[in-house]
């Protein structure tokens, strides 16, 4: 958890927004697409 928050801050992303989106999208994300949820690739939902 700490590493996700630190990575979000390092990428100038609001950690709360990133984590909320991560935990919302994680159950429906395939294993091939998990990298898109990491803070360095994360995009806010449209």
C-alpha atoms as a PDB file:
ATOM      1  CA  UNK A   1       0.000   0.000   0.000  1.00  0.00           C
ATOM      2  CA  UNK A   2       2.785   2.394   0.920  1.00  0.00           C
ATOM      3  CA  UNK A   3       4.575   1.795  -2.384  1.00  0.00           C
ATOM      4  CA  UNK A   4       1.397   2.555  -4.376  1.00  0.00           C
ATOM      5  CA  UNK A   5       0.913   5.820  -2.484  1.00  0.00           C
ATOM      6  CA  UNK A   6       4.567   6.775  -2.921  1.00  0.00           C
ATOM      7  CA  UNK A   7       4.463   5.965  -6.631  1.00  0.00           C
ATOM      8  CA  UNK A   8       1.331   8.055  -7.076  1.00  0.00           C
ATOM      9  CA  UNK A   9       2.927  11.026  -5.328  1.00  0.00           C
ATOM     10  CA  UNK A  10       6.103  10.622  -7.392  1.00  0.00           C
ATOM     11  CA  UNK A  11       3.978  10.735 -10.568  1.00  0.00           C
ATOM     12  CA  UNK A  12       2.079  13.799  -9.300  1.00  0.00           C
ATOM     13  CA  UNK A  13      -1.189  11.887  -8.950  1.00  0.00           C
ATOM     14  CA  UNK A  14      -3.616  12.308  -6.072  1.00  0.00           C
ATOM     15  CA  UNK A  15      -3.128   9.016  -4.177  1.00  0.00           C
ATOM     16  CA  UNK A  16      -6.722   8.848  -2.955  1.00  0.00           C
ATOM     17  CA  UNK A  17      -8.148   9.203  -6.461  1.00  0.00           C
ATOM     18  CA  UNK A  18      -5.729   6.643  -7.847  1.00  0.00           C
ATOM     19  CA  UNK A  19      -6.411   4.078  -5.109  1.00  0.00           C
ATOM     20  CA  UNK A  20     -10.186   4.536  -5.260  1.00  0.00           C
ATOM     21  CA  UNK A  21     -10.111   3.973  -9.004  1.00  0.00           C
ATOM     22  CA  UNK A  22      -7.698   1.052  -8.642  1.00  0.00           C
ATOM     23  CA  UNK A  23      -9.930  -0.784  -6.159  1.00  0.00           C
ATOM     24  CA  UNK A  24     -13.004  -0.074  -8.294  1.00  0.00           C
ATOM     25  CA  UNK A  25     -11.480  -1.303 -11.565  1.00  0.00           C
ATOM     26  CA  UNK A  26      -9.332  -4.148 -10.208  1.00  0.00           C
ATOM     27  CA  UNK A  27     -12.042  -6.851 -10.027  1.00  0.00           C
ATOM     28  CA  UNK A  28     -12.959  -6.425 -13.700  1.00  0.00           C
ATOM     29  CA  UNK A  29      -9.424  -5.989 -15.088  1.00  0.00           C
ATOM     30  CA  UNK A  30      -7.797  -8.965 -16.765  1.00  0.00           C
ATOM     31  CA  UNK A  31      -4.322 -10.044 -15.708  1.00  0.00           C
ATOM     32  CA  UNK A  32      -2.952  -8.896 -19.083  1.00  0.00           C
ATOM     33  CA  UNK A  33      -4.123  -5.319 -18.351  1.00  0.00           C
ATOM     34  CA  UNK A  34      -3.021  -4.949 -14.726  1.00  0.00           C
ATOM     35  CA  UNK A  35      -0.059  -2.756 -15.671  1.00  0.00           C
ATOM     36  CA  UNK A  36      -2.431   0.005 -16.792  1.00  0.00           C
ATOM     37  CA  UNK A  37      -3.551   0.378 -13.162  1.00  0.00           C
ATOM     38  CA  UNK A  38      -0.053   1.064 -11.830  1.00  0.00           C
ATOM     39  CA  UNK A  39       0.557   4.716 -10.926  1.00  0.00           C
ATOM     40  CA  UNK A  40       3.096   5.323 -13.706  1.00  0.00           C
ATOM     41  CA  UNK A  41       0.524   4.201 -16.354  1.00  0.00           C
ATOM     42  CA  UNK A  42      -2.704   5.176 -14.607  1.00  0.00           C
ATOM     43  CA  UNK A  43      -5.172   7.462 -16.337  1.00  0.00           C
ATOM     44  CA  UNK A  44      -8.195   8.886 -14.541  1.00  0.00           C
ATOM     45  CA  UNK A  45     -11.518   7.471 -15.692  1.00  0.00           C
ATOM     46  CA  UNK A  46     -13.139   9.365 -18.546  1.00  0.00           C
END
